[in-house]
Amino acid sequence: MITNTTETTTSGAELDSDTAANWDTVSAVPGRAYGDVAASVDVSITGVNADGGETNWAGLTVHTQNPTDRQAGYLVGLRNNGEVFVDRSAATIAKAKVPGYTAGQTVILRAVTRGSTLKVYAGSTELISLTDASYPVGNVGLATGAASAWFDNVRLNPGTNPVEGAAVTASSSYENDGWSKNALTDGRRSLPTGTNGWSSIDNLSVDHTESVTAGLGAARRISRLDLFGRADGANTGLGFPVDFTVQVSSDNATWTTVADKHDYPRPGAGAQTFPFTPTTARYVKVTGTKLSADQFGDRYMQLGEIAVG
């Protein structure tokens, strides 16, 4: 089932087992004209047609004019050799490889459209970024081509969280073991997906200041910031800043403080919501000015996800 929501669907995996089919739409949301949208699915290819071998695929249809037709729209597909590709009107316009892919592994395949820009990710790793205005709106669906596949954790965010898929900069960033700047805006919350969020890495032995900034792609009217702490068992909430500010900007240079928190307690896995007077902004920044120490005495700033509304 594809859900039209900002929350993740964590159950109801779907299997298409017909490797003989040349084209098979597994599930789709018909009659929807999605513009800016973030669509993601956990996909694992379980078998391929012998005639096509590793060139067969499973993935997402985006901005299609008919949910069952890839002739008018984009196909974001994964092949069982690790190649991810984008087809427009059944012709390939971009492709890249998933780092370290092994046949049959589960990939978090994610497509984010903002205006005429389409970005494709494997987990939090950006693989493809292209500009094409051929199909600005349309349906979103799941599809296979001469392959059987498991689909799970299907998620749509139809522009309700403009920071999802946004570019992120940080004062420092640990880019390994599921941590990265991109993971802060990948839309994954409280899931065991290997995308933990963002973690700082500098000056661990002393208390210090760290910050992270996300762009919204365009000026947006916003009135709320949601911060999610890390959500990995006993470490849930570890690294959430003790003292911090939330700031907004229209130009990434002049900043207005909309929230200023002190002695903030270590949170659970849910959203920490900070409302403010509605304002127009293109960037949001969270600056931690006092960081907590972990069990080893190291001081990180760590966030699982960020959202605005």
C-alpha atoms as a PDB file:
ATOM      1  CA  MET A   1       0.000   0.000   0.000  1.00  0.00           C
ATOM      2  CA  ILE A   2       1.237   3.479  -0.840  1.00  0.00           C
ATOM      3  CA  THR A   3       0.235   6.019   1.774  1.00  0.00           C
ATOM      4  CA  ASN A   4      -0.289   9.713   1.151  1.00  0.00           C
ATOM      5  CA  THR A   5       1.259  10.841   4.383  1.00  0.00           C
ATOM      6  CA  THR A   6       4.304  12.301   6.076  1.00  0.00           C
ATOM      7  CA  GLU A   7       4.640   9.202   8.253  1.00  0.00           C
ATOM      8  CA  THR A   8       6.349   5.953   7.354  1.00  0.00           C
ATOM      9  CA  THR A   9       4.425   2.764   6.596  1.00  0.00           C
ATOM     10  CA  THR A  10       6.324   0.030   8.442  1.00  0.00           C
ATOM     11  CA  SER A  11       4.224  -3.035   7.680  1.00  0.00           C
ATOM     12  CA  GLY A  12       2.522  -4.719   4.761  1.00  0.00           C
ATOM     13  CA  ALA A  13       5.470  -5.670   2.553  1.00  0.00           C
ATOM     14  CA  GLU A  14       4.423  -6.432  -0.992  1.00  0.00           C
ATOM     15  CA  LEU A  15       5.922  -9.065  -3.279  1.00  0.00           C
ATOM     16  CA  ASP A  16       5.652  -9.227  -7.047  1.00  0.00           C
ATOM     17  CA  SER A  17       6.740 -12.748  -7.932  1.00  0.00           C
ATOM     18  CA  ASP A  18       6.263 -12.730 -11.705  1.00  0.00           C
ATOM     19  CA  THR A  19       9.745 -12.645 -13.223  1.00  0.00           C
ATOM     20  CA  ALA A  20       8.293 -13.441 -16.656  1.00  0.00           C
ATOM     21  CA  ALA A  21       6.442 -10.152 -16.911  1.00  0.00           C
ATOM     22  CA  ASN A  22       8.050  -7.423 -18.992  1.00  0.00           C
ATOM     23  CA  TRP A  23       6.152  -4.709 -17.131  1.00  0.00           C
ATOM     24  CA  ASP A  24       4.064  -4.890 -13.970  1.00  0.00           C
ATOM     25  CA  THR A  25       2.889  -2.029 -11.805  1.00  0.00           C
ATOM     26  CA  VAL A  26       2.642  -3.409  -8.291  1.00  0.00           C
ATOM     27  CA  SER A  27       0.828  -0.528  -6.583  1.00  0.00           C
ATOM     28  CA  ALA A  28      -0.014   3.081  -7.326  1.00  0.00           C
ATOM     29  CA  VAL A  29      -1.987   6.077  -6.134  1.00  0.00           C
ATOM     30  CA  PRO A  30      -4.253   6.945  -9.080  1.00  0.00           C
ATOM     31  CA  GLY A  31      -5.650  10.338  -9.917  1.00  0.00           C
ATOM     32  CA  ARG A  32      -3.112  12.337  -7.919  1.00  0.00           C
ATOM     33  CA  ALA A  33      -1.222  15.303  -9.333  1.00  0.00           C
ATOM     34  CA  TYR A  34       1.854  15.388  -7.115  1.00  0.00           C
ATOM     35  CA  GLY A  35       4.220  18.273  -7.740  1.00  0.00           C
ATOM     36  CA  ASP A  36       7.026  18.604  -5.198  1.00  0.00           C
ATOM     37  CA  VAL A  37       7.151  15.180  -3.565  1.00  0.00           C
ATOM     38  CA  ALA A  38       9.512  12.855  -1.731  1.00  0.00           C
ATOM     39  CA  ALA A  39       8.816   9.178  -2.399  1.00  0.00           C
ATOM     40  CA  SER A  40      10.764   6.322  -0.862  1.00  0.00           C
ATOM     41  CA  VAL A  41      10.559   2.554  -0.596  1.00  0.00           C
ATOM     42  CA  ASP A  42      12.662  -0.265   0.797  1.00  0.00           C
ATOM     43  CA  VAL A  43      13.162  -2.561  -2.202  1.00  0.00           C
ATOM     44  CA  SER A  44      14.871  -5.927  -2.559  1.00  0.00           C
ATOM     45  CA  ILE A  45      15.064  -7.774  -5.878  1.00  0.00           C
ATOM     46  CA  THR A  46      14.417 -11.471  -5.252  1.00  0.00           C
ATOM     47  CA  GLY A  47      14.597 -12.810  -8.804  1.00  0.00           C
ATOM     48  CA  VAL A  48      15.084 -11.761 -12.422  1.00  0.00           C
ATOM     49  CA  ASN A  49      13.981 -13.048 -15.804  1.00  0.00           C
ATOM     50  CA  ALA A  50      16.738 -15.157 -17.345  1.00  0.00           C
ATOM     51  CA  ASP A  51      16.288 -13.384 -20.681  1.00  0.00           C
ATOM     52  CA  GLY A  52      17.109 -10.018 -19.142  1.00  0.00           C
ATOM     53  CA  GLY A  53      19.448 -11.148 -16.383  1.00  0.00           C
ATOM     54  CA  GLU A  54      20.778  -8.363 -14.165  1.00  0.00           C
ATOM     55  CA  THR A  55      19.354  -5.640 -16.414  1.00  0.00           C
ATOM     56  CA  ASN A  56      15.837  -6.163 -15.035  1.00  0.00           C
ATOM     57  CA  TRP A  57      14.634  -3.796 -12.366  1.00  0.00           C
ATOM     58  CA  ALA A  58      12.233  -2.733  -9.606  1.00  0.00           C
ATOM     59  CA  GLY A  59      11.488   0.760  -8.366  1.00  0.00           C
ATOM     60  CA  LEU A  60       9.323   3.867  -8.419  1.00  0.00           C
ATOM     61  CA  THR A  61       7.324   5.665 -11.077  1.00  0.00           C
ATOM     62  CA  VAL A  62       7.256   9.436 -10.498  1.00  0.00           C
ATOM     63  CA  HIS A  63       5.136  12.149 -12.133  1.00  0.00           C
ATOM     64  CA  THR A  64       3.577   9.661 -14.518  1.00  0.00           C
ATOM     65  CA  GLN A  65       0.440  10.731 -16.344  1.00  0.00           C
ATOM     66  CA  ASN A  66      -0.987   7.239 -15.855  1.00  0.00           C
ATOM     67  CA  PRO A  67       0.060   5.107 -12.856  1.00  0.00           C
ATOM     68  CA  THR A  68       0.578   2.054 -15.063  1.00  0.00           C
ATOM     69  CA  ASP A  69       2.403   3.805 -17.896  1.00  0.00           C
ATOM     70  CA  ARG A  70       6.081   4.778 -17.920  1.00  0.00           C
ATOM     71  CA  GLN A  71       5.883   6.258 -21.422  1.00  0.00           C
ATOM     72  CA  ALA A  72       4.813   9.589 -19.941  1.00  0.00           C
ATOM     73  CA  GLY A  73       6.754  10.302 -16.754  1.00  0.00           C
ATOM     74  CA  TYR A  74       9.865   9.136 -14.906  1.00  0.00           C
ATOM     75  CA  LEU A  75      10.929   5.683 -13.808  1.00  0.00           C
ATOM     76  CA  VAL A  76      13.463   5.439 -10.962  1.00  0.00           C
ATOM     77  CA  GLY A  77      14.680   1.868 -11.019  1.00  0.00           C
ATOM     78  CA  LEU A  78      17.147  -0.426  -9.289  1.00  0.00           C
ATOM     79  CA  ARG A  79      18.834  -3.281 -11.162  1.00  0.00           C
ATOM     80  CA  ASN A  80      20.178  -6.333  -9.370  1.00  0.00           C
ATOM     81  CA  ASN A  81      23.732  -5.347 -10.331  1.00  0.00           C
ATOM     82  CA  GLY A  82      23.412  -2.197  -8.201  1.00  0.00           C
ATOM     83  CA  GLU A  83      22.712   0.243 -11.011  1.00  0.00           C
ATOM     84  CA  VAL A  84      20.114   2.916 -10.301  1.00  0.00           C
ATOM     85  CA  PHE A  85      18.702   4.682 -13.326  1.00  0.00           C
ATOM     86  CA  VAL A  86      16.174   7.327 -14.319  1.00  0.00           C
ATOM     87  CA  ASP A  87      14.112   6.808 -17.458  1.00  0.00           C
ATOM     88  CA  ARG A  88      12.059   9.565 -19.055  1.00  0.00           C
ATOM     89  CA  SER A  89       9.456   8.301 -21.507  1.00  0.00           C
ATOM     90  CA  ALA A  90      11.187   4.875 -21.450  1.00  0.00           C
ATOM     91  CA  ALA A  91      14.629   6.331 -22.365  1.00  0.00           C
ATOM     92  CA  THR A  92      17.456   6.426 -19.803  1.00  0.00           C
ATOM     93  CA  ILE A  93      18.598   9.958 -18.952  1.00  0.00           C
ATOM     94  CA  ALA A  94      20.810   9.256 -15.909  1.00  0.00           C
ATOM     95  CA  LYS A  95      22.322   6.343 -14.012  1.00  0.00           C
ATOM     96  CA  ALA A  96      24.687   5.591 -11.138  1.00  0.00           C
ATOM     97  CA  LYS A  97      25.820   2.703  -8.951  1.00  0.00           C
ATOM     98  CA  VAL A  98      24.861   1.935  -5.351  1.00  0.00           C
ATOM     99  CA  PRO A  99      28.188   1.744  -3.465  1.00  0.00           C
ATOM    100  CA  GLY A 100      28.984  -1.770  -2.283  1.00  0.00           C
ATOM    101  CA  TYR A 101      25.784  -3.312  -3.633  1.00  0.00           C
ATOM    102  CA  THR A 102      25.340  -7.073  -3.432  1.00  0.00           C
ATOM    103  CA  ALA A 103      22.624  -8.923  -5.332  1.00  0.00           C
ATOM    104  CA  GLY A 104      19.335  -9.088  -3.471  1.00  0.00           C
ATOM    105  CA  GLN A 105      20.191  -6.578  -0.769  1.00  0.00           C
ATOM    106  CA  THR A 106      17.555  -4.155   0.481  1.00  0.00           C
ATOM    107  CA  VAL A 107      18.014  -0.596  -0.753  1.00  0.00           C
ATOM    108  CA  ILE A 108      16.153   2.451   0.535  1.00  0.00           C
ATOM    109  CA  LEU A 109      15.328   3.936  -2.861  1.00  0.00           C
ATOM    110  CA  ARG A 110      14.234   7.559  -2.641  1.00  0.00           C
ATOM    111  CA  ALA A 111      13.208  10.110  -5.269  1.00  0.00           C
ATOM    112  CA  VAL A 112      12.738  13.787  -4.393  1.00  0.00           C
ATOM    113  CA  THR A 113      11.317  16.360  -6.800  1.00  0.00           C
ATOM    114  CA  ARG A 114      11.593  20.097  -6.183  1.00  0.00           C
ATOM    115  CA  GLY A 115      10.441  22.156  -9.146  1.00  0.00           C
ATOM    116  CA  SER A 116      12.315  20.839 -12.181  1.00  0.00           C
ATOM    117  CA  THR A 117      15.000  19.095 -10.075  1.00  0.00           C
ATOM    118  CA  LEU A 118      14.869  15.352  -9.496  1.00  0.00           C
ATOM    119  CA  LYS A 119      17.252  13.776  -6.992  1.00  0.00           C
ATOM    120  CA  VAL A 120      17.649  10.065  -6.377  1.00  0.00           C
ATOM    121  CA  TYR A 121      19.154   8.525  -3.249  1.00  0.00           C
ATOM    122  CA  ALA A 122      20.138   5.108  -1.976  1.00  0.00           C
ATOM    123  CA  GLY A 123      19.557   5.589   1.729  1.00  0.00           C
ATOM    124  CA  SER A 124      21.142   8.949   2.503  1.00  0.00           C
ATOM    125  CA  THR A 125      23.646   8.740  -0.372  1.00  0.00           C
ATOM    126  CA  GLU A 126      22.766  11.014  -3.273  1.00  0.00           C
ATOM    127  CA  LEU A 127      23.306   9.131  -6.528  1.00  0.00           C
ATOM    128  CA  ILE A 128      21.646  11.283  -9.183  1.00  0.00           C
ATOM    129  CA  SER A 129      20.671  14.939  -9.498  1.00  0.00           C
ATOM    130  CA  LEU A 130      19.163  16.180 -12.740  1.00  0.00           C
ATOM    131  CA  THR A 131      17.080  19.045 -14.060  1.00  0.00           C
ATOM    132  CA  ASP A 132      14.190  18.270 -16.378  1.00  0.00           C
ATOM    133  CA  ALA A 133      10.866  20.043 -16.735  1.00  0.00           C
ATOM    134  CA  SER A 134       9.131  17.533 -19.005  1.00  0.00           C
ATOM    135  CA  TYR A 135       6.781  16.184 -16.315  1.00  0.00           C
ATOM    136  CA  PRO A 136       6.244  18.643 -13.449  1.00  0.00           C
ATOM    137  CA  VAL A 137       3.294  16.788 -11.862  1.00  0.00           C
ATOM    138  CA  GLY A 138       1.769  13.326 -11.912  1.00  0.00           C
ATOM    139  CA  ASN A 139       1.222  10.011 -10.163  1.00  0.00           C
ATOM    140  CA  VAL A 140       3.592   8.014  -7.972  1.00  0.00           C
ATOM    141  CA  GLY A 141       3.706   4.216  -8.026  1.00  0.00           C
ATOM    142  CA  LEU A 142       5.742   1.046  -7.601  1.00  0.00           C
ATOM    143  CA  ALA A 143       6.758  -1.061 -10.581  1.00  0.00           C
ATOM    144  CA  THR A 144       8.874  -4.006 -11.693  1.00  0.00           C
ATOM    145  CA  GLY A 145      10.293  -5.001 -15.057  1.00  0.00           C
ATOM    146  CA  ALA A 146      10.842  -8.749 -15.471  1.00  0.00           C
ATOM    147  CA  ALA A 147      11.870  -9.047 -11.833  1.00  0.00           C
ATOM    148  CA  SER A 148      10.337 -10.143  -8.553  1.00  0.00           C
ATOM    149  CA  ALA A 149      10.814  -7.839  -5.608  1.00  0.00           C
ATOM    150  CA  TRP A 150       9.885  -7.076  -2.037  1.00  0.00           C
ATOM    151  CA  PHE A 151       8.618  -3.547  -1.339  1.00  0.00           C
ATOM    152  CA  ASP A 152       8.227  -2.231   2.204  1.00  0.00           C
ATOM    153  CA  ASN A 153       8.128   1.032   4.182  1.00  0.00           C
ATOM    154  CA  VAL A 154       6.552   2.927   1.292  1.00  0.00           C
ATOM    155  CA  ARG A 155       6.324   6.624   2.042  1.00  0.00           C
ATOM    156  CA  LEU A 156       5.088   9.766   0.311  1.00  0.00           C
ATOM    157  CA  ASN A 157       5.647  13.318   1.476  1.00  0.00           C
ATOM    158  CA  PRO A 158       3.747  15.551  -0.958  1.00  0.00           C
ATOM    159  CA  GLY A 159       5.527  18.798  -0.122  1.00  0.00           C
ATOM    160  CA  THR A 160       4.253  18.996   3.455  1.00  0.00           C
ATOM    161  CA  ASN A 161       7.788  18.917   4.871  1.00  0.00           C
ATOM    162  CA  PRO A 162       9.836  21.090   2.505  1.00  0.00           C
ATOM    163  CA  VAL A 163      13.086  20.298   4.289  1.00  0.00           C
ATOM    164  CA  GLU A 164      12.946  16.620   3.273  1.00  0.00           C
ATOM    165  CA  GLY A 165      15.632  15.971   0.699  1.00  0.00           C
ATOM    166  CA  ALA A 166      17.087  19.424   1.316  1.00  0.00           C
ATOM    167  CA  ALA A 167      20.784  20.246   1.107  1.00  0.00           C
ATOM    168  CA  VAL A 168      22.475  20.276   4.519  1.00  0.00           C
ATOM    169  CA  THR A 169      25.665  21.963   5.720  1.00  0.00           C
ATOM    170  CA  ALA A 170      27.224  21.502   9.135  1.00  0.00           C
ATOM    171  CA  SER A 171      30.068  22.806  11.270  1.00  0.00           C
ATOM    172  CA  SER A 172      31.416  19.233  11.285  1.00  0.00           C
ATOM    173  CA  SER A 173      29.971  15.893  10.252  1.00  0.00           C
ATOM    174  CA  TYR A 174      30.734  12.226  10.814  1.00  0.00           C
ATOM    175  CA  GLU A 175      30.110  10.543   7.449  1.00  0.00           C
ATOM    176  CA  ASN A 176      30.118   6.826   8.244  1.00  0.00           C
ATOM    177  CA  ASP A 177      28.207   4.022   9.989  1.00  0.00           C
ATOM    178  CA  GLY A 178      24.815   5.383   8.930  1.00  0.00           C
ATOM    179  CA  TRP A 179      25.612   8.963   9.979  1.00  0.00           C
ATOM    180  CA  SER A 180      25.714  11.767   7.408  1.00  0.00           C
ATOM    181  CA  LYS A 181      24.398  15.241   6.690  1.00  0.00           C
ATOM    182  CA  ASN A 182      21.982  13.839   4.097  1.00  0.00           C
ATOM    183  CA  ALA A 183      20.524  11.439   6.656  1.00  0.00           C
ATOM    184  CA  LEU A 184      19.199  14.426   8.601  1.00  0.00           C
ATOM    185  CA  THR A 185      16.662  15.163   5.847  1.00  0.00           C
ATOM    186  CA  ASP A 186      15.998  11.674   4.451  1.00  0.00           C
ATOM    187  CA  GLY A 187      12.518  11.430   5.995  1.00  0.00           C
ATOM    188  CA  ARG A 188      13.369   8.344   8.064  1.00  0.00           C
ATOM    189  CA  ARG A 189      12.358   8.512  11.705  1.00  0.00           C
ATOM    190  CA  SER A 190      12.725   5.795  14.328  1.00  0.00           C
ATOM    191  CA  LEU A 191      13.383   3.038  11.787  1.00  0.00           C
ATOM    192  CA  PRO A 192      16.214   0.466  11.893  1.00  0.00           C
ATOM    193  CA  THR A 193      17.335   1.441   8.395  1.00  0.00           C
ATOM    194  CA  GLY A 194      21.010   2.254   8.899  1.00  0.00           C
ATOM    195  CA  THR A 195      20.402   5.983   8.401  1.00  0.00           C
ATOM    196  CA  ASN A 196      20.922   7.281  11.916  1.00  0.00           C
ATOM    197  CA  GLY A 197      20.931  11.012  11.242  1.00  0.00           C
ATOM    198  CA  TRP A 198      23.633  13.648  11.629  1.00  0.00           C
ATOM    199  CA  SER A 199      26.464  13.700  14.154  1.00  0.00           C
ATOM    200  CA  SER A 200      29.172  16.262  14.739  1.00  0.00           C
ATOM    201  CA  ILE A 201      32.754  15.016  15.080  1.00  0.00           C
ATOM    202  CA  ASP A 202      35.041  17.913  16.144  1.00  0.00           C
ATOM    203  CA  ASN A 203      36.492  18.795  19.575  1.00  0.00           C
ATOM    204  CA  LEU A 204      34.951  15.823  21.349  1.00  0.00           C
ATOM    205  CA  SER A 205      36.844  16.263  24.623  1.00  0.00           C
ATOM    206  CA  VAL A 206      35.499  19.739  25.437  1.00  0.00           C
ATOM    207  CA  ASP A 207      32.126  21.440  25.407  1.00  0.00           C
ATOM    208  CA  HIS A 208      31.840  23.570  22.285  1.00  0.00           C
ATOM    209  CA  THR A 209      29.445  24.925  19.643  1.00  0.00           C
ATOM    210  CA  GLU A 210      28.161  22.949  16.653  1.00  0.00           C
ATOM    211  CA  SER A 211      25.544  23.853  14.054  1.00  0.00           C
ATOM    212  CA  VAL A 212      23.605  22.360  11.171  1.00  0.00           C
ATOM    213  CA  THR A 213      21.774  24.233   8.403  1.00  0.00           C
ATOM    214  CA  ALA A 214      19.152  23.006   5.949  1.00  0.00           C
ATOM    215  CA  GLY A 215      17.904  24.827   2.866  1.00  0.00           C
ATOM    216  CA  LEU A 216      14.242  24.687   1.868  1.00  0.00           C
ATOM    217  CA  GLY A 217      14.901  25.136  -1.856  1.00  0.00           C
ATOM    218  CA  ALA A 218      12.756  28.269  -2.029  1.00  0.00           C
ATOM    219  CA  ALA A 219      11.245  30.834   0.320  1.00  0.00           C
ATOM    220  CA  ARG A 220       8.529  29.144   2.409  1.00  0.00           C
ATOM    221  CA  ARG A 221       6.048  30.317   5.004  1.00  0.00           C
ATOM    222  CA  ILE A 222       6.849  28.274   8.112  1.00  0.00           C
ATOM    223  CA  SER A 223       5.854  28.385  11.774  1.00  0.00           C
ATOM    224  CA  ARG A 224       7.295  25.231  13.366  1.00  0.00           C
ATOM    225  CA  LEU A 225      10.493  23.217  13.603  1.00  0.00           C
ATOM    226  CA  ASP A 226      10.496  19.553  14.640  1.00  0.00           C
ATOM    227  CA  LEU A 227      13.722  17.977  15.841  1.00  0.00           C
ATOM    228  CA  PHE A 228      14.083  14.228  16.295  1.00  0.00           C
ATOM    229  CA  GLY A 229      16.822  12.795  18.469  1.00  0.00           C
ATOM    230  CA  ARG A 230      18.632   9.595  17.619  1.00  0.00           C
ATOM    231  CA  ALA A 231      16.380   6.574  18.135  1.00  0.00           C
ATOM    232  CA  ASP A 232      18.602   3.539  18.514  1.00  0.00           C
ATOM    233  CA  GLY A 233      17.600   1.677  21.663  1.00  0.00           C
ATOM    234  CA  ALA A 234      19.507   2.608  24.800  1.00  0.00           C
ATOM    235  CA  ASN A 235      21.153   5.512  22.952  1.00  0.00           C
ATOM    236  CA  THR A 236      17.824   7.190  22.171  1.00  0.00           C
ATOM    237  CA  GLY A 237      18.127  10.949  22.648  1.00  0.00           C
ATOM    238  CA  LEU A 238      21.873  10.822  23.257  1.00  0.00           C
ATOM    239  CA  GLY A 239      23.698  13.800  21.761  1.00  0.00           C
ATOM    240  CA  PHE A 240      20.649  16.081  21.707  1.00  0.00           C
ATOM    241  CA  PRO A 241      21.933  19.579  22.568  1.00  0.00           C
ATOM    242  CA  VAL A 242      21.371  20.930  26.070  1.00  0.00           C
ATOM    243  CA  ASP A 243      21.421  24.613  25.065  1.00  0.00           C
ATOM    244  CA  PHE A 244      20.570  25.565  21.499  1.00  0.00           C
ATOM    245  CA  THR A 245      18.967  28.131  19.222  1.00  0.00           C
ATOM    246  CA  VAL A 246      16.752  27.777  16.174  1.00  0.00           C
ATOM    247  CA  GLN A 247      17.264  30.452  13.529  1.00  0.00           C
ATOM    248  CA  VAL A 248      15.759  31.224  10.129  1.00  0.00           C
ATOM    249  CA  SER A 249      17.091  33.205   7.188  1.00  0.00           C
ATOM    250  CA  SER A 250      16.108  34.249   3.685  1.00  0.00           C
ATOM    251  CA  ASP A 251      19.696  34.498   2.392  1.00  0.00           C
ATOM    252  CA  ASN A 252      21.850  32.162   4.569  1.00  0.00           C
ATOM    253  CA  ALA A 253      23.659  35.241   5.881  1.00  0.00           C
ATOM    254  CA  THR A 254      21.328  37.261   8.117  1.00  0.00           C
ATOM    255  CA  TRP A 255      19.667  35.150  10.800  1.00  0.00           C
ATOM    256  CA  THR A 256      16.645  35.639  13.058  1.00  0.00           C
ATOM    257  CA  THR A 257      16.378  33.605  16.257  1.00  0.00           C
ATOM    258  CA  VAL A 258      12.931  32.024  16.647  1.00  0.00           C
ATOM    259  CA  ALA A 259      13.679  29.678  19.569  1.00  0.00           C
ATOM    260  CA  ASP A 260      16.282  29.780  22.345  1.00  0.00           C
ATOM    261  CA  LYS A 261      16.378  26.755  24.679  1.00  0.00           C
ATOM    262  CA  HIS A 262      18.432  26.094  27.807  1.00  0.00           C
ATOM    263  CA  ASP A 263      18.886  22.975  29.963  1.00  0.00           C
ATOM    264  CA  TYR A 264      16.792  20.940  27.531  1.00  0.00           C
ATOM    265  CA  PRO A 265      16.296  17.392  28.850  1.00  0.00           C
ATOM    266  CA  ARG A 266      17.388  14.327  26.900  1.00  0.00           C
ATOM    267  CA  PRO A 267      14.370  13.486  24.717  1.00  0.00           C
ATOM    268  CA  GLY A 268      12.729  10.246  23.698  1.00  0.00           C
ATOM    269  CA  ALA A 269      12.304   9.086  20.121  1.00  0.00           C
ATOM    270  CA  GLY A 270       9.414  11.389  19.185  1.00  0.00           C
ATOM    271  CA  ALA A 271       9.366  14.873  17.708  1.00  0.00           C
ATOM    272  CA  GLN A 272      10.518  17.810  19.801  1.00  0.00           C
ATOM    273  CA  THR A 273       8.365  20.620  18.447  1.00  0.00           C
ATOM    274  CA  PHE A 274       9.289  24.301  18.565  1.00  0.00           C
ATOM    275  CA  PRO A 275       6.535  26.617  17.262  1.00  0.00           C
ATOM    276  CA  PHE A 276       7.187  30.245  16.392  1.00  0.00           C
ATOM    277  CA  THR A 277       5.471  33.217  14.789  1.00  0.00           C
ATOM    278  CA  PRO A 278       4.844  32.464  11.085  1.00  0.00           C
ATOM    279  CA  THR A 279       7.687  33.781   8.957  1.00  0.00           C
ATOM    280  CA  THR A 280       9.022  33.444   5.429  1.00  0.00           C
ATOM    281  CA  ALA A 281      12.410  31.731   5.247  1.00  0.00           C
ATOM    282  CA  ARG A 282      14.604  29.746   2.910  1.00  0.00           C
ATOM    283  CA  TYR A 283      17.034  28.335   5.471  1.00  0.00           C
ATOM    284  CA  VAL A 284      16.804  26.961   9.001  1.00  0.00           C
ATOM    285  CA  LYS A 285      19.728  26.505  11.380  1.00  0.00           C
ATOM    286  CA  VAL A 286      20.085  24.750  14.708  1.00  0.00           C
ATOM    287  CA  THR A 287      23.091  25.788  16.799  1.00  0.00           C
ATOM    288  CA  GLY A 288      24.053  23.837  19.895  1.00  0.00           C
ATOM    289  CA  THR A 289      25.961  25.979  22.385  1.00  0.00           C
ATOM    290  CA  LYS A 290      26.098  23.404  25.207  1.00  0.00           C
ATOM    291  CA  LEU A 291      26.500  19.718  24.416  1.00  0.00           C
ATOM    292  CA  SER A 292      25.953  16.710  26.658  1.00  0.00           C
ATOM    293  CA  ALA A 293      28.623  14.085  27.282  1.00  0.00           C
ATOM    294  CA  ASP A 294      28.175  10.421  26.406  1.00  0.00           C
ATOM    295  CA  GLN A 295      29.298   7.494  28.579  1.00  0.00           C
ATOM    296  CA  PHE A 296      32.887   8.002  27.396  1.00  0.00           C
ATOM    297  CA  GLY A 297      32.926  11.726  28.151  1.00  0.00           C
ATOM    298  CA  ASP A 298      32.796  12.717  24.480  1.00  0.00           C
ATOM    299  CA  ARG A 299      30.570  15.612  23.438  1.00  0.00           C
ATOM    300  CA  TYR A 300      28.675  15.297  20.182  1.00  0.00           C
ATOM    301  CA  MET A 301      25.680  17.101  18.743  1.00  0.00           C
ATOM    302  CA  GLN A 302      23.430  14.463  17.200  1.00  0.00           C
ATOM    303  CA  LEU A 303      20.012  14.731  15.525  1.00  0.00           C
ATOM    304  CA  GLY A 304      18.026  11.985  13.864  1.00  0.00           C
ATOM    305  CA  GLU A 305      15.819  14.089  11.609  1.00  0.00           C
ATOM    306  CA  ILE A 306      14.581  17.631  11.054  1.00  0.00           C
ATOM    307  CA  ALA A 307      11.201  18.800   9.767  1.00  0.00           C
ATOM    308  CA  VAL A 308       9.471  22.141   9.313  1.00  0.00           C
ATOM    309  CA  GLY A 309       5.863  23.118   8.827  1.00  0.00           C
END
